Structure formats: C-alpha cells, structure tokens
Amino acid sequence: MKLGTGEIILLILVTLPLYFLPYIIGRKKTFARQLFILNLFLGCTFIGWVIALVWAFKNETPGEVEKNISEHTLATLEKLNQLRKDGVITDEEFSIQKHKLLNQ
C-alpha cells in the first residue's frame, strides 16, 4: 500500500504531537529545555519517551522555582510586600499581584 502526500502529512501531524507529548506537558517547568533535549534525542526509544513523560509530571521543588525568578520580579515582589505592610494594598490584592508576577 502506497501512501499519498496528504496521508503522509496527516500521519506527521498526528504522530509529532504524540512524540513530543512529554515536552508539551512539561514546557513550563524550569527543566523544560533539558526535557526537550531528552525527548528529541531519546524519545525514539520507548524507554526514553517514558522517562521524559514521567519527568514532565515531576513537581518542582521550591528551590527550583526560586532560581527562575528574575531580579526584576523579586524587586517588584518586595515593593508589593512593603505596600502591603504599609496598608496601601490588602493581603488579597498582594496575593493577586504576586500570582500574576510569578505566572507570567
């Protein structure tokens, strides 16, 4: 059976996202670059793909997340915290702004 051009393109469009599923799941983690490299080079082996998938679901430790915070974000958080201590903003407003900053 010979595949036509449209069928080959469809096959690629279906299998490529499956191949990179571990990276797609873990793309917002601090180790996303390493996960992509593992998935790219060892994803073709079943065991490499499974390891990448398990790694994608791994929770980050607080230390890993803190390393990813830029100096600007840290300075902004300190200013927001000072505004909260001074009573300029409420605890709820502080939490909302903190969440916005850390999830950019």
PDB file of N, CA and C in Angstrom:
ATOM      1  N   MET A   1       0.844  -1.185   0.000  1.00  0.00           N
ATOM      2  CA  MET A   1       0.000   0.000   0.000  1.00  0.00           C
ATOM      3  C   MET A   1       0.887   1.245   0.000  1.00  0.00           C
ATOM      4  N   LYS A   2       0.628   2.123  -0.923  1.00  0.00           N
ATOM      5  CA  LYS A   2       1.412   3.344  -1.054  1.00  0.00           C
ATOM      6  C   LYS A   2       0.618   4.518  -0.475  1.00  0.00           C
ATOM      7  N   LEU A   3       1.301   5.318   0.353  1.00  0.00           N
ATOM      8  CA  LEU A   3       0.658   6.481   0.968  1.00  0.00           C
ATOM      9  C   LEU A   3       0.791   7.689   0.059  1.00  0.00           C
ATOM     10  N   GLY A   4      -0.280   8.450  -0.030  1.00  0.00           N
ATOM     11  CA  GLY A   4      -0.241   9.688  -0.792  1.00  0.00           C
ATOM     12  C   GLY A   4       0.336  10.814   0.044  1.00  0.00           C
ATOM     13  N   THR A   5       0.567  11.955  -0.587  1.00  0.00           N
ATOM     14  CA  THR A   5       1.149  13.115   0.093  1.00  0.00           C
ATOM     15  C   THR A   5       0.263  13.577   1.251  1.00  0.00           C
ATOM     16  N   GLY A   6      -1.034  13.637   1.027  1.00  0.00           N
ATOM     17  CA  GLY A   6      -1.962  14.071   2.072  1.00  0.00           C
ATOM     18  C   GLY A   6      -1.958  13.133   3.262  1.00  0.00           C
ATOM     19  N   GLU A   7      -1.857  11.853   2.988  1.00  0.00           N
ATOM     20  CA  GLU A   7      -1.837  10.870   4.072  1.00  0.00           C
ATOM     21  C   GLU A   7      -0.546  10.961   4.881  1.00  0.00           C
ATOM     22  N   ILE A   8       0.571  11.213   4.201  1.00  0.00           N
ATOM     23  CA  ILE A   8       1.855  11.372   4.895  1.00  0.00           C
ATOM     24  C   ILE A   8       1.822  12.605   5.794  1.00  0.00           C
ATOM     25  N   ILE A   9       1.288  13.691   5.282  1.00  0.00           N
ATOM     26  CA  ILE A   9       1.194  14.925   6.079  1.00  0.00           C
ATOM     27  C   ILE A   9       0.294  14.696   7.292  1.00  0.00           C
ATOM     28  N   LEU A  10      -0.825  14.014   7.088  1.00  0.00           N
ATOM     29  CA  LEU A  10      -1.724  13.708   8.193  1.00  0.00           C
ATOM     30  C   LEU A  10      -1.043  12.833   9.236  1.00  0.00           C
ATOM     31  N   LEU A  11      -0.293  11.848   8.779  1.00  0.00           N
ATOM     32  CA  LEU A  11       0.441  10.967   9.686  1.00  0.00           C
ATOM     33  C   LEU A  11       1.451  11.759  10.520  1.00  0.00           C
ATOM     34  N   ILE A  12       2.159  12.685   9.893  1.00  0.00           N
ATOM     35  CA  ILE A  12       3.130  13.527  10.605  1.00  0.00           C
ATOM     36  C   ILE A  12       2.416  14.422  11.616  1.00  0.00           C
ATOM     37  N   LEU A  13       1.292  15.021  11.206  1.00  0.00           N
ATOM     38  CA  LEU A  13       0.556  15.916  12.106  1.00  0.00           C
ATOM     39  C   LEU A  13      -0.021  15.188  13.319  1.00  0.00           C
ATOM     40  N   VAL A  14      -0.261  13.900  13.191  1.00  0.00           N
ATOM     41  CA  VAL A  14      -0.787  13.129  14.313  1.00  0.00           C
ATOM     42  C   VAL A  14       0.347  12.613  15.204  1.00  0.00           C
ATOM     43  N   THR A  15       1.427  12.118  14.592  1.00  0.00           N
ATOM     44  CA  THR A  15       2.487  11.491  15.391  1.00  0.00           C
ATOM     45  C   THR A  15       3.436  12.497  16.044  1.00  0.00           C
ATOM     46  N   LEU A  16       3.677  13.626  15.429  1.00  0.00           N
ATOM     47  CA  LEU A  16       4.614  14.596  16.003  1.00  0.00           C
ATOM     48  C   LEU A  16       4.174  15.087  17.385  1.00  0.00           C
ATOM     49  N   PRO A  17       2.900  15.482  17.561  1.00  0.00           N
ATOM     50  CA  PRO A  17       2.488  15.877  18.918  1.00  0.00           C
ATOM     51  C   PRO A  17       2.573  14.725  19.920  1.00  0.00           C
ATOM     52  N   LEU A  18       2.304  13.518  19.486  1.00  0.00           N
ATOM     53  CA  LEU A  18       2.434  12.369  20.390  1.00  0.00           C
ATOM     54  C   LEU A  18       3.889  12.154  20.784  1.00  0.00           C
ATOM     55  N   TYR A  19       4.788  12.311  19.829  1.00  0.00           N
ATOM     56  CA  TYR A  19       6.212  12.139  20.094  1.00  0.00           C
ATOM     57  C   TYR A  19       6.686  13.160  21.132  1.00  0.00           C
ATOM     58  N   PHE A  20       6.239  14.405  20.989  1.00  0.00           N
ATOM     59  CA  PHE A  20       6.676  15.474  21.891  1.00  0.00           C
ATOM     60  C   PHE A  20       5.711  15.706  23.059  1.00  0.00           C
ATOM     61  N   LEU A  21       4.815  14.767  23.313  1.00  0.00           N
ATOM     62  CA  LEU A  21       3.876  14.900  24.419  1.00  0.00           C
ATOM     63  C   LEU A  21       4.560  15.171  25.759  1.00  0.00           C
ATOM     64  N   PRO A  22       5.655  14.487  26.102  1.00  0.00           N
ATOM     65  CA  PRO A  22       6.319  14.814  27.372  1.00  0.00           C
ATOM     66  C   PRO A  22       6.760  16.279  27.454  1.00  0.00           C
ATOM     67  N   TYR A  23       7.317  16.793  26.368  1.00  0.00           N
ATOM     68  CA  TYR A  23       7.743  18.195  26.378  1.00  0.00           C
ATOM     69  C   TYR A  23       6.534  19.133  26.454  1.00  0.00           C
ATOM     70  N   ILE A  24       5.474  18.813  25.732  1.00  0.00           N
ATOM     71  CA  ILE A  24       4.277  19.652  25.754  1.00  0.00           C
ATOM     72  C   ILE A  24       3.719  19.736  27.173  1.00  0.00           C
ATOM     73  N   ILE A  25       3.721  18.628  27.893  1.00  0.00           N
ATOM     74  CA  ILE A  25       3.215  18.604  29.271  1.00  0.00           C
ATOM     75  C   ILE A  25       4.133  19.409  30.203  1.00  0.00           C
ATOM     76  N   GLY A  26       5.452  19.291  30.022  1.00  0.00           N
ATOM     77  CA  GLY A  26       6.389  19.920  30.955  1.00  0.00           C
ATOM     78  C   GLY A  26       7.019  21.203  30.462  1.00  0.00           C
ATOM     79  N   ARG A  27       6.446  21.841  29.458  1.00  0.00           N
ATOM     80  CA  ARG A  27       7.086  23.009  28.833  1.00  0.00           C
ATOM     81  C   ARG A  27       7.220  24.226  29.747  1.00  0.00           C
ATOM     82  N   LYS A  28       6.454  24.295  30.824  1.00  0.00           N
ATOM     83  CA  LYS A  28       6.535  25.463  31.718  1.00  0.00           C
ATOM     84  C   LYS A  28       7.380  25.200  32.954  1.00  0.00           C
ATOM     85  N   LYS A  29       8.019  24.055  33.009  1.00  0.00           N
ATOM     86  CA  LYS A  29       8.878  23.718  34.149  1.00  0.00           C
ATOM     87  C   LYS A  29      10.249  24.373  33.967  1.00  0.00           C
ATOM     88  N   THR A  30      10.987  24.498  35.060  1.00  0.00           N
ATOM     89  CA  THR A  30      12.316  25.095  34.972  1.00  0.00           C
ATOM     90  C   THR A  30      13.275  24.214  34.183  1.00  0.00           C
ATOM     91  N   PHE A  31      12.984  22.927  34.101  1.00  0.00           N
ATOM     92  CA  PHE A  31      13.856  21.992  33.382  1.00  0.00           C
ATOM     93  C   PHE A  31      13.318  21.678  31.987  1.00  0.00           C
ATOM     94  N   ALA A  32      12.507  22.564  31.418  1.00  0.00           N
ATOM     95  CA  ALA A  32      11.867  22.309  30.124  1.00  0.00           C
ATOM     96  C   ALA A  32      12.887  22.110  29.002  1.00  0.00           C
ATOM     97  N   ARG A  33      13.973  22.867  29.008  1.00  0.00           N
ATOM     98  CA  ARG A  33      14.977  22.741  27.950  1.00  0.00           C
ATOM     99  C   ARG A  33      15.621  21.349  27.980  1.00  0.00           C
ATOM    100  N   GLN A  34      15.972  20.889  29.167  1.00  0.00           N
ATOM    101  CA  GLN A  34      16.567  19.563  29.293  1.00  0.00           C
ATOM    102  C   GLN A  34      15.562  18.477  28.910  1.00  0.00           C
ATOM    103  N   LEU A  35      14.323  18.689  29.267  1.00  0.00           N
ATOM    104  CA  LEU A  35      13.269  17.746  28.911  1.00  0.00           C
ATOM    105  C   LEU A  35      13.109  17.663  27.397  1.00  0.00           C
ATOM    106  N   PHE A  36      13.154  18.812  26.734  1.00  0.00           N
ATOM    107  CA  PHE A  36      13.049  18.835  25.267  1.00  0.00           C
ATOM    108  C   PHE A  36      14.194  18.062  24.624  1.00  0.00           C
ATOM    109  N   ILE A  37      15.411  18.284  25.116  1.00  0.00           N
ATOM    110  CA  ILE A  37      16.574  17.596  24.552  1.00  0.00           C
ATOM    111  C   ILE A  37      16.464  16.087  24.749  1.00  0.00           C
ATOM    112  N   LEU A  38      16.068  15.662  25.943  1.00  0.00           N
ATOM    113  CA  LEU A  38      15.869  14.234  26.192  1.00  0.00           C
ATOM    114  C   LEU A  38      14.810  13.674  25.257  1.00  0.00           C
ATOM    115  N   ASN A  39      13.690  14.387  25.135  1.00  0.00           N
ATOM    116  CA  ASN A  39      12.600  13.934  24.283  1.00  0.00           C
ATOM    117  C   ASN A  39      13.023  13.888  22.814  1.00  0.00           C
ATOM    118  N   LEU A  40      13.780  14.883  22.379  1.00  0.00           N
ATOM    119  CA  LEU A  40      14.216  14.951  20.987  1.00  0.00           C
ATOM    120  C   LEU A  40      15.132  13.795  20.624  1.00  0.00           C
ATOM    121  N   PHE A  41      16.132  13.534  21.461  1.00  0.00           N
ATOM    122  CA  PHE A  41      17.148  12.543  21.105  1.00  0.00           C
ATOM    123  C   PHE A  41      16.839  11.121  21.567  1.00  0.00           C
ATOM    124  N   LEU A  42      16.139  10.963  22.682  1.00  0.00           N
ATOM    125  CA  LEU A  42      15.876   9.619  23.182  1.00  0.00           C
ATOM    126  C   LEU A  42      14.396   9.237  23.139  1.00  0.00           C
ATOM    127  N   GLY A  43      13.558  10.160  22.662  1.00  0.00           N
ATOM    128  CA  GLY A  43      12.136   9.857  22.569  1.00  0.00           C
ATOM    129  C   GLY A  43      11.827   8.752  21.582  1.00  0.00           C
ATOM    130  N   CYS A  44      12.726   8.526  20.632  1.00  0.00           N
ATOM    131  CA  CYS A  44      12.503   7.471  19.637  1.00  0.00           C
ATOM    132  C   CYS A  44      12.630   6.081  20.264  1.00  0.00           C
ATOM    133  N   THR A  45      13.293   6.002  21.409  1.00  0.00           N
ATOM    134  CA  THR A  45      13.324   4.729  22.145  1.00  0.00           C
ATOM    135  C   THR A  45      12.157   4.777  23.117  1.00  0.00           C
ATOM    136  N   PHE A  46      11.485   3.704  23.275  1.00  0.00           N
ATOM    137  CA  PHE A  46      10.304   3.706  24.145  1.00  0.00           C
ATOM    138  C   PHE A  46      10.679   4.111  25.565  1.00  0.00           C
ATOM    139  N   ILE A  47      11.784   3.591  26.078  1.00  0.00           N
ATOM    140  CA  ILE A  47      12.184   3.884  27.454  1.00  0.00           C
ATOM    141  C   ILE A  47      12.531   5.368  27.623  1.00  0.00           C
ATOM    142  N   GLY A  48      13.177   5.979  26.618  1.00  0.00           N
ATOM    143  CA  GLY A  48      13.496   7.404  26.680  1.00  0.00           C
ATOM    144  C   GLY A  48      12.244   8.259  26.705  1.00  0.00           C
ATOM    145  N   TRP A  49      11.252   7.845  25.920  1.00  0.00           N
ATOM    146  CA  TRP A  49       9.992   8.582  25.874  1.00  0.00           C
ATOM    147  C   TRP A  49       9.263   8.472  27.207  1.00  0.00           C
ATOM    148  N   VAL A  50       9.253   7.280  27.798  1.00  0.00           N
ATOM    149  CA  VAL A  50       8.583   7.073  29.089  1.00  0.00           C
ATOM    150  C   VAL A  50       9.283   7.870  30.192  1.00  0.00           C
ATOM    151  N   ILE A  51      10.619   7.874  30.185  1.00  0.00           N
ATOM    152  CA  ILE A  51      11.367   8.652  31.190  1.00  0.00           C
ATOM    153  C   ILE A  51      11.035  10.136  31.052  1.00  0.00           C
ATOM    154  N   ALA A  52      10.988  10.632  29.820  1.00  0.00           N
ATOM    155  CA  ALA A  52      10.650  12.038  29.590  1.00  0.00           C
ATOM    156  C   ALA A  52       9.227  12.337  30.059  1.00  0.00           C
ATOM    157  N   LEU A  53       8.312  11.406  29.826  1.00  0.00           N
ATOM    158  CA  LEU A  53       6.922  11.609  30.252  1.00  0.00           C
ATOM    159  C   LEU A  53       6.815  11.656  31.776  1.00  0.00           C
ATOM    160  N   VAL A  54       7.499  10.755  32.453  1.00  0.00           N
ATOM    161  CA  VAL A  54       7.488  10.751  33.918  1.00  0.00           C
ATOM    162  C   VAL A  54       8.109  12.042  34.444  1.00  0.00           C
ATOM    163  N   TRP A  55       9.199  12.460  33.841  1.00  0.00           N
ATOM    164  CA  TRP A  55       9.876  13.690  34.258  1.00  0.00           C
ATOM    165  C   TRP A  55       8.972  14.905  34.065  1.00  0.00           C
ATOM    166  N   ALA A  56       8.184  14.907  32.990  1.00  0.00           N
ATOM    167  CA  ALA A  56       7.288  16.034  32.708  1.00  0.00           C
ATOM    168  C   ALA A  56       6.254  16.218  33.811  1.00  0.00           C
ATOM    169  N   PHE A  57       5.863  15.126  34.463  1.00  0.00           N
ATOM    170  CA  PHE A  57       4.872  15.211  35.535  1.00  0.00           C
ATOM    171  C   PHE A  57       5.497  15.485  36.897  1.00  0.00           C
ATOM    172  N   LYS A  58       6.826  15.531  36.973  1.00  0.00           N
ATOM    173  CA  LYS A  58       7.520  15.750  38.245  1.00  0.00           C
ATOM    174  C   LYS A  58       7.217  17.154  38.779  1.00  0.00           C
ATOM    175  N   ASN A  59       6.913  17.218  40.061  1.00  0.00           N
ATOM    176  CA  ASN A  59       6.706  18.515  40.707  1.00  0.00           C
ATOM    177  C   ASN A  59       8.060  19.153  40.975  1.00  0.00           C
ATOM    178  N   GLU A  60       8.110  20.458  40.805  1.00  0.00           N
ATOM    179  CA  GLU A  60       9.347  21.173  41.071  1.00  0.00           C
ATOM    180  C   GLU A  60       9.462  21.474  42.562  1.00  0.00           C
ATOM    181  N   THR A  61      10.673  21.422  43.061  1.00  0.00           N
ATOM    182  CA  THR A  61      10.897  21.795  44.453  1.00  0.00           C
ATOM    183  C   THR A  61      10.899  23.313  44.548  1.00  0.00           C
ATOM    184  N   PRO A  62      10.603  23.878  45.717  1.00  0.00           N
ATOM    185  CA  PRO A  62      10.605  25.338  45.839  1.00  0.00           C
ATOM    186  C   PRO A  62      11.928  25.969  45.403  1.00  0.00           C
ATOM    187  N   GLY A  63      13.044  25.307  45.655  1.00  0.00           N
ATOM    188  CA  GLY A  63      14.342  25.847  45.256  1.00  0.00           C
ATOM    189  C   GLY A  63      14.473  25.983  43.755  1.00  0.00           C
ATOM    190  N   GLU A  64      13.934  25.029  43.005  1.00  0.00           N
ATOM    191  CA  GLU A  64      13.990  25.096  41.547  1.00  0.00           C
ATOM    192  C   GLU A  64      13.169  26.264  41.026  1.00  0.00           C
ATOM    193  N   VAL A  65      12.020  26.513  41.640  1.00  0.00           N
ATOM    194  CA  VAL A  65      11.170  27.611  41.200  1.00  0.00           C
ATOM    195  C   VAL A  65      11.818  28.941  41.532  1.00  0.00           C
ATOM    196  N   GLU A  66      12.416  29.058  42.712  1.00  0.00           N
ATOM    197  CA  GLU A  66      13.044  30.310  43.126  1.00  0.00           C
ATOM    198  C   GLU A  66      14.195  30.696  42.218  1.00  0.00           C
ATOM    199  N   LYS A  67      14.944  29.736  41.693  1.00  0.00           N
ATOM    200  CA  LYS A  67      16.059  30.039  40.806  1.00  0.00           C
ATOM    201  C   LYS A  67      15.592  30.733  39.544  1.00  0.00           C
ATOM    202  N   ASN A  68      14.357  30.490  39.164  1.00  0.00           N
ATOM    203  CA  ASN A  68      13.832  31.019  37.917  1.00  0.00           C
ATOM    204  C   ASN A  68      13.264  32.431  38.049  1.00  0.00           C
ATOM    205  N   ILE A  69      13.176  32.968  39.243  1.00  0.00           N
ATOM    206  CA  ILE A  69      12.620  34.302  39.446  1.00  0.00           C
ATOM    207  C   ILE A  69      13.683  35.346  39.112  1.00  0.00           C
ATOM    208  N   SER A  70      13.339  36.257  38.220  1.00  0.00           N
ATOM    209  CA  SER A  70      14.300  37.285  37.820  1.00  0.00           C
ATOM    210  C   SER A  70      14.465  38.319  38.933  1.00  0.00           C
ATOM    211  N   GLU A  71      15.534  39.085  38.830  1.00  0.00           N
ATOM    212  CA  GLU A  71      15.795  40.136  39.830  1.00  0.00           C
ATOM    213  C   GLU A  71      14.699  41.196  39.793  1.00  0.00           C
ATOM    214  N   HIS A  72      14.207  41.493  38.600  1.00  0.00           N
ATOM    215  CA  HIS A  72      13.137  42.486  38.461  1.00  0.00           C
ATOM    216  C   HIS A  72      11.865  42.001  39.167  1.00  0.00           C
ATOM    217  N   THR A  73      11.524  40.737  38.961  1.00  0.00           N
ATOM    218  CA  THR A  73      10.343  40.166  39.605  1.00  0.00           C
ATOM    219  C   THR A  73      10.503  40.181  41.116  1.00  0.00           C
ATOM    220  N   LEU A  74      11.682  39.835  41.584  1.00  0.00           N
ATOM    221  CA  LEU A  74      11.947  39.831  43.013  1.00  0.00           C
ATOM    222  C   LEU A  74      11.820  41.238  43.602  1.00  0.00           C
ATOM    223  N   ALA A  75      12.358  42.234  42.902  1.00  0.00           N
ATOM    224  CA  ALA A  75      12.262  43.624  43.373  1.00  0.00           C
ATOM    225  C   ALA A  75      10.808  44.082  43.400  1.00  0.00           C
ATOM    226  N   THR A  76      10.048  43.705  42.393  1.00  0.00           N
ATOM    227  CA  THR A  76       8.631  44.076  42.347  1.00  0.00           C
ATOM    228  C   THR A  76       7.868  43.424  43.494  1.00  0.00           C
ATOM    229  N   LEU A  77       8.177  42.160  43.782  1.00  0.00           N
ATOM    230  CA  LEU A  77       7.530  41.477  44.903  1.00  0.00           C
ATOM    231  C   LEU A  77       7.859  42.151  46.228  1.00  0.00           C
ATOM    232  N   GLU A  78       9.101  42.581  46.381  1.00  0.00           N
ATOM    233  CA  GLU A  78       9.499  43.275  47.610  1.00  0.00           C
ATOM    234  C   GLU A  78       8.740  44.592  47.766  1.00  0.00           C
ATOM    235  N   LYS A  79       8.568  45.318  46.655  1.00  0.00           N
ATOM    236  CA  LYS A  79       7.812  46.575  46.704  1.00  0.00           C
ATOM    237  C   LYS A  79       6.351  46.317  47.052  1.00  0.00           C
ATOM    238  N   LEU A  80       5.764  45.288  46.436  1.00  0.00           N
ATOM    239  CA  LEU A  80       4.384  44.932  46.747  1.00  0.00           C
ATOM    240  C   LEU A  80       4.230  44.541  48.218  1.00  0.00           C
ATOM    241  N   ASN A  81       5.191  43.797  48.731  1.00  0.00           N
ATOM    242  CA  ASN A  81       5.149  43.387  50.129  1.00  0.00           C
ATOM    243  C   ASN A  81       5.228  44.600  51.052  1.00  0.00           C
ATOM    244  N   GLN A  82       6.053  45.561  50.684  1.00  0.00           N
ATOM    245  CA  GLN A  82       6.165  46.774  51.503  1.00  0.00           C
ATOM    246  C   GLN A  82       4.854  47.563  51.472  1.00  0.00           C
ATOM    247  N   LEU A  83       4.214  47.625  50.286  1.00  0.00           N
ATOM    248  CA  LEU A  83       2.917  48.307  50.189  1.00  0.00           C
ATOM    249  C   LEU A  83       1.872  47.605  51.059  1.00  0.00           C
ATOM    250  N   ARG A  84       1.936  46.292  51.114  1.00  0.00           N
ATOM    251  CA  ARG A  84       1.017  45.531  51.956  1.00  0.00           C
ATOM    252  C   ARG A  84       1.275  45.827  53.432  1.00  0.00           C
ATOM    253  N   LYS A  85       2.554  45.857  53.823  1.00  0.00           N
ATOM    254  CA  LYS A  85       2.897  46.145  55.220  1.00  0.00           C
ATOM    255  C   LYS A  85       2.477  47.558  55.624  1.00  0.00           C
ATOM    256  N   ASP A  86       2.574  48.497  54.663  1.00  0.00           N
ATOM    257  CA  ASP A  86       2.199  49.884  54.938  1.00  0.00           C
ATOM    258  C   ASP A  86       0.691  50.091  54.902  1.00  0.00           C
ATOM    259  N   GLY A  87      -0.054  49.076  54.508  1.00  0.00           N
ATOM    260  CA  GLY A  87      -1.509  49.175  54.474  1.00  0.00           C
ATOM    261  C   GLY A  87      -2.057  49.803  53.214  1.00  0.00           C
ATOM    262  N   VAL A  88      -1.210  49.996  52.204  1.00  0.00           N
ATOM    263  CA  VAL A  88      -1.655  50.613  50.954  1.00  0.00           C
ATOM    264  C   VAL A  88      -2.488  49.623  50.144  1.00  0.00           C
ATOM    265  N   ILE A  89      -2.101  48.347  50.165  1.00  0.00           N
ATOM    266  CA  ILE A  89      -2.878  47.307  49.494  1.00  0.00           C
ATOM    267  C   ILE A  89      -3.240  46.212  50.499  1.00  0.00           C
ATOM    268  N   THR A  90      -4.294  45.497  50.208  1.00  0.00           N
ATOM    269  CA  THR A  90      -4.748  44.435  51.109  1.00  0.00           C
ATOM    270  C   THR A  90      -3.955  43.156  50.837  1.00  0.00           C
ATOM    271  N   ASP A  91      -4.108  42.195  51.741  1.00  0.00           N
ATOM    272  CA  ASP A  91      -3.468  40.889  51.549  1.00  0.00           C
ATOM    273  C   ASP A  91      -3.969  40.216  50.275  1.00  0.00           C
ATOM    274  N   GLU A  92      -5.256  40.384  50.020  1.00  0.00           N
ATOM    275  CA  GLU A  92      -5.839  39.782  48.815  1.00  0.00           C
ATOM    276  C   GLU A  92      -5.250  40.413  47.548  1.00  0.00           C
ATOM    277  N   GLU A  93      -5.128  41.744  47.526  1.00  0.00           N
ATOM    278  CA  GLU A  93      -4.529  42.417  46.367  1.00  0.00           C
ATOM    279  C   GLU A  93      -3.071  41.991  46.187  1.00  0.00           C
ATOM    280  N   PHE A  94      -2.354  41.837  47.292  1.00  0.00           N
ATOM    281  CA  PHE A  94      -0.970  41.375  47.234  1.00  0.00           C
ATOM    282  C   PHE A  94      -0.900  39.983  46.619  1.00  0.00           C
ATOM    283  N   SER A  95      -1.783  39.105  47.062  1.00  0.00           N
ATOM    284  CA  SER A  95      -1.790  37.732  46.540  1.00  0.00           C
ATOM    285  C   SER A  95      -2.097  37.699  45.053  1.00  0.00           C
ATOM    286  N   ILE A  96      -3.035  38.515  44.617  1.00  0.00           N
ATOM    287  CA  ILE A  96      -3.388  38.561  43.195  1.00  0.00           C
ATOM    288  C   ILE A  96      -2.203  39.047  42.369  1.00  0.00           C
ATOM    289  N   GLN A  97      -1.557  40.126  42.815  1.00  0.00           N
ATOM    290  CA  GLN A  97      -0.416  40.672  42.072  1.00  0.00           C
ATOM    291  C   GLN A  97       0.763  39.705  42.081  1.00  0.00           C
ATOM    292  N   LYS A  98       0.984  39.047  43.195  1.00  0.00           N
ATOM    293  CA  LYS A  98       2.064  38.061  43.303  1.00  0.00           C
ATOM    294  C   LYS A  98       1.818  36.919  42.330  1.00  0.00           C
ATOM    295  N   HIS A  99       0.584  36.443  42.292  1.00  0.00           N
ATOM    296  CA  HIS A  99       0.241  35.346  41.376  1.00  0.00           C
ATOM    297  C   HIS A  99       0.463  35.770  39.926  1.00  0.00           C
ATOM    298  N   LYS A 100       0.075  36.987  39.573  1.00  0.00           N
ATOM    299  CA  LYS A 100       0.287  37.492  38.205  1.00  0.00           C
ATOM    300  C   LYS A 100       1.769  37.544  37.855  1.00  0.00           C
ATOM    301  N   LEU A 101       2.577  38.023  38.790  1.00  0.00           N
ATOM    302  CA  LEU A 101       4.019  38.129  38.543  1.00  0.00           C
ATOM    303  C   LEU A 101       4.690  36.767  38.355  1.00  0.00           C
ATOM    304  N   LEU A 102       4.336  35.823  39.197  1.00  0.00           N
ATOM    305  CA  LEU A 102       5.009  34.525  39.186  1.00  0.00           C
ATOM    306  C   LEU A 102       4.516  33.609  38.075  1.00  0.00           C
ATOM    307  N   ASN A 103       3.394  33.914  37.469  1.00  0.00           N
ATOM    308  CA  ASN A 103       2.845  33.063  36.431  1.00  0.00           C
ATOM    309  C   ASN A 103       2.880  33.701  35.051  1.00  0.00           C
ATOM    310  N   GLN A 104       3.818  34.577  34.824  1.00  0.00           N
ATOM    311  CA  GLN A 104       3.944  35.230  33.512  1.00  0.00           C
ATOM    312  C   GLN A 104       4.542  34.277  32.519  1.00  0.00           C
TER     313      GLN A 104
END
